[in-house]
Amino acid sequence: MLDELQDWADISGDLFGLKQQCDAVKRFEEIVLRAAEIGYVIYARELALLMTGGAYEEPWSWKQVEVYAPRATVLFDEVAKHMNSAPADDGEGTAAPEPGQPGA
């Protein structure tokens, strides 16, 4: 599945037609659903990068996508650990008071 996603990423710049793009989205959805069926979560993030120095005088920007496919149980365990270790947030950017403390 990850090899196929890499193949799609390699040709993504060549998908100009709406039908080609729709077909790619449909296939991505199939891959993500199949991964979920066998216990994996696929997620990605886009990074905006800037290269300075080297052969070009001006900074050169490009985007990169990182794709992750951990087992769902591993991801959920990591999220639970993070949630248990992080202070509660009241939505205003300040931590909520601990139980038993003033304002709790």
C-alpha atoms as a PDB file:
ATOM      1  CA  MET A   1       0.000   0.000   0.000  1.00  0.00           C
ATOM      2  CA  LEU A   2       2.791   2.418   0.889  1.00  0.00           C
ATOM      3  CA  ASP A   3       4.576   1.613  -2.365  1.00  0.00           C
ATOM      4  CA  GLU A   4       1.429   2.469  -4.287  1.00  0.00           C
ATOM      5  CA  LEU A   5       1.040   5.725  -2.371  1.00  0.00           C
ATOM      6  CA  GLN A   6       4.655   6.545  -3.271  1.00  0.00           C
ATOM      7  CA  ASP A   7       3.918   5.796  -6.929  1.00  0.00           C
ATOM      8  CA  TRP A   8       0.918   8.143  -6.832  1.00  0.00           C
ATOM      9  CA  ALA A   9       3.031  10.829  -5.167  1.00  0.00           C
ATOM     10  CA  ASP A  10       5.660  10.445  -7.890  1.00  0.00           C
ATOM     11  CA  ILE A  11       3.137  11.080 -10.674  1.00  0.00           C
ATOM     12  CA  SER A  12       0.926  13.586  -8.822  1.00  0.00           C
ATOM     13  CA  GLY A  13       2.365  16.531 -10.744  1.00  0.00           C
ATOM     14  CA  ASP A  14       1.253  14.896 -13.988  1.00  0.00           C
ATOM     15  CA  LEU A  15      -2.424  14.536 -12.998  1.00  0.00           C
ATOM     16  CA  PHE A  16      -3.955  17.513 -14.765  1.00  0.00           C
ATOM     17  CA  GLY A  17      -7.405  16.329 -15.755  1.00  0.00           C
ATOM     18  CA  LEU A  18     -10.315  16.327 -13.347  1.00  0.00           C
ATOM     19  CA  LYS A  19     -11.011  12.641 -14.091  1.00  0.00           C
ATOM     20  CA  GLN A  20      -7.398  11.704 -13.302  1.00  0.00           C
ATOM     21  CA  GLN A  21      -7.536  13.625 -10.033  1.00  0.00           C
ATOM     22  CA  CYS A  22     -10.898  12.063  -9.074  1.00  0.00           C
ATOM     23  CA  ASP A  23      -9.533   8.593  -9.858  1.00  0.00           C
ATOM     24  CA  ALA A  24      -6.496   9.286  -7.660  1.00  0.00           C
ATOM     25  CA  VAL A  25      -8.677  10.461  -4.753  1.00  0.00           C
ATOM     26  CA  LYS A  26     -10.894   7.388  -5.110  1.00  0.00           C
ATOM     27  CA  ARG A  27      -7.855   5.097  -5.036  1.00  0.00           C
ATOM     28  CA  PHE A  28      -6.399   6.937  -2.003  1.00  0.00           C
ATOM     29  CA  GLU A  29      -9.690   6.387  -0.175  1.00  0.00           C
ATOM     30  CA  GLU A  30      -9.580   2.675  -1.027  1.00  0.00           C
ATOM     31  CA  ILE A  31      -6.013   2.408   0.282  1.00  0.00           C
ATOM     32  CA  VAL A  32      -6.849   4.221   3.528  1.00  0.00           C
ATOM     33  CA  LEU A  33      -9.935   2.067   4.116  1.00  0.00           C
ATOM     34  CA  ARG A  34      -8.017  -1.151   3.398  1.00  0.00           C
ATOM     35  CA  ALA A  35      -5.267  -0.066   5.791  1.00  0.00           C
ATOM     36  CA  ALA A  36      -7.901   0.536   8.486  1.00  0.00           C
ATOM     37  CA  GLU A  37      -9.375  -2.919   7.870  1.00  0.00           C
ATOM     38  CA  ILE A  38      -6.014  -4.525   8.654  1.00  0.00           C
ATOM     39  CA  GLY A  39      -5.327  -2.294  11.668  1.00  0.00           C
ATOM     40  CA  TYR A  40      -3.283   0.628  10.337  1.00  0.00           C
ATOM     41  CA  VAL A  41      -3.910   4.352  10.301  1.00  0.00           C
ATOM     42  CA  ILE A  42      -2.501   6.349   7.406  1.00  0.00           C
ATOM     43  CA  TYR A  43      -1.921  10.016   7.933  1.00  0.00           C
ATOM     44  CA  ALA A  44       0.277  12.658   6.373  1.00  0.00           C
ATOM     45  CA  ARG A  45       1.536  16.144   6.885  1.00  0.00           C
ATOM     46  CA  GLU A  46       2.763  18.719   4.424  1.00  0.00           C
ATOM     47  CA  LEU A  47       5.963  20.590   5.181  1.00  0.00           C
ATOM     48  CA  ALA A  48       6.881  23.935   3.641  1.00  0.00           C
ATOM     49  CA  LEU A  49      10.662  23.967   3.309  1.00  0.00           C
ATOM     50  CA  LEU A  50      13.144  26.699   2.398  1.00  0.00           C
ATOM     51  CA  MET A  51      16.665  26.021   1.156  1.00  0.00           C
ATOM     52  CA  THR A  52      19.312  28.699   1.454  1.00  0.00           C
ATOM     53  CA  GLY A  53      22.896  28.728   0.293  1.00  0.00           C
ATOM     54  CA  GLY A  54      24.276  26.260  -2.195  1.00  0.00           C
ATOM     55  CA  ALA A  55      23.979  26.802  -5.943  1.00  0.00           C
ATOM     56  CA  TYR A  56      21.209  29.445  -5.799  1.00  0.00           C
ATOM     57  CA  GLU A  57      21.590  32.977  -4.494  1.00  0.00           C
ATOM     58  CA  GLU A  58      17.907  33.324  -3.661  1.00  0.00           C
ATOM     59  CA  PRO A  59      16.181  31.022  -1.168  1.00  0.00           C
ATOM     60  CA  TRP A  60      14.362  28.177  -2.862  1.00  0.00           C
ATOM     61  CA  SER A  61      11.090  26.848  -1.462  1.00  0.00           C
ATOM     62  CA  TRP A  62       9.369  23.547  -1.977  1.00  0.00           C
ATOM     63  CA  LYS A  63       6.828  21.345  -0.275  1.00  0.00           C
ATOM     64  CA  GLN A  64       7.300  17.844   1.027  1.00  0.00           C
ATOM     65  CA  VAL A  65       4.730  15.383   2.293  1.00  0.00           C
ATOM     66  CA  GLU A  66       5.517  12.886   5.015  1.00  0.00           C
ATOM     67  CA  VAL A  67       3.264   9.833   5.219  1.00  0.00           C
ATOM     68  CA  TYR A  68       2.980   7.677   8.328  1.00  0.00           C
ATOM     69  CA  ALA A  69       1.287   4.309   8.697  1.00  0.00           C
ATOM     70  CA  PRO A  70       1.491   3.080  12.294  1.00  0.00           C
ATOM     71  CA  ARG A  71      -0.616   0.242  13.646  1.00  0.00           C
ATOM     72  CA  ALA A  72      -3.767   1.793  15.084  1.00  0.00           C
ATOM     73  CA  THR A  73      -3.104   0.348  18.539  1.00  0.00           C
ATOM     74  CA  VAL A  74       0.352   1.966  18.666  1.00  0.00           C
ATOM     75  CA  LEU A  75      -1.035   5.336  17.591  1.00  0.00           C
ATOM     76  CA  PHE A  76      -3.892   5.203  20.094  1.00  0.00           C
ATOM     77  CA  ASP A  77      -1.490   4.230  22.903  1.00  0.00           C
ATOM     78  CA  GLU A  78       0.733   7.214  22.074  1.00  0.00           C
ATOM     79  CA  VAL A  79      -2.251   9.580  21.997  1.00  0.00           C
ATOM     80  CA  ALA A  80      -3.467   8.254  25.364  1.00  0.00           C
ATOM     81  CA  LYS A  81       0.000   8.721  26.899  1.00  0.00           C
ATOM     82  CA  HIS A  82       0.136  12.279  25.589  1.00  0.00           C
ATOM     83  CA  MET A  83      -3.349  13.101  26.841  1.00  0.00           C
ATOM     84  CA  ASN A  84      -2.574  11.694  30.285  1.00  0.00           C
ATOM     85  CA  SER A  85       0.684  13.634  30.599  1.00  0.00           C
ATOM     86  CA  ALA A  86      -0.471  16.998  29.202  1.00  0.00           C
ATOM     87  CA  PRO A  87      -2.261  19.513  31.429  1.00  0.00           C
ATOM     88  CA  ALA A  88      -5.900  20.091  30.598  1.00  0.00           C
ATOM     89  CA  ASP A  89      -6.590  23.116  28.425  1.00  0.00           C
ATOM     90  CA  ASP A  90      -9.598  25.340  29.067  1.00  0.00           C
ATOM     91  CA  GLY A  91      -9.688  26.492  25.438  1.00  0.00           C
ATOM     92  CA  GLU A  92      -8.308  29.915  26.321  1.00  0.00           C
ATOM     93  CA  GLY A  93      -4.677  28.844  26.062  1.00  0.00           C
ATOM     94  CA  THR A  94      -4.305  28.402  29.813  1.00  0.00           C
ATOM     95  CA  ALA A  95      -4.180  25.136  31.687  1.00  0.00           C
ATOM     96  CA  ALA A  96      -7.280  24.273  33.699  1.00  0.00           C
ATOM     97  CA  PRO A  97      -6.705  23.956  37.451  1.00  0.00           C
ATOM     98  CA  GLU A  98      -5.961  20.520  38.810  1.00  0.00           C
ATOM     99  CA  PRO A  99      -8.809  18.855  40.734  1.00  0.00           C
ATOM    100  CA  GLY A 100      -8.849  20.044  44.349  1.00  0.00           C
ATOM    101  CA  GLN A 101      -7.108  23.338  43.463  1.00  0.00           C
ATOM    102  CA  PRO A 102      -8.832  26.752  43.681  1.00  0.00           C
ATOM    103  CA  GLY A 103     -10.957  27.386  40.587  1.00  0.00           C
ATOM    104  CA  ALA A 104     -11.440  23.685  39.878  1.00  0.00           C
END
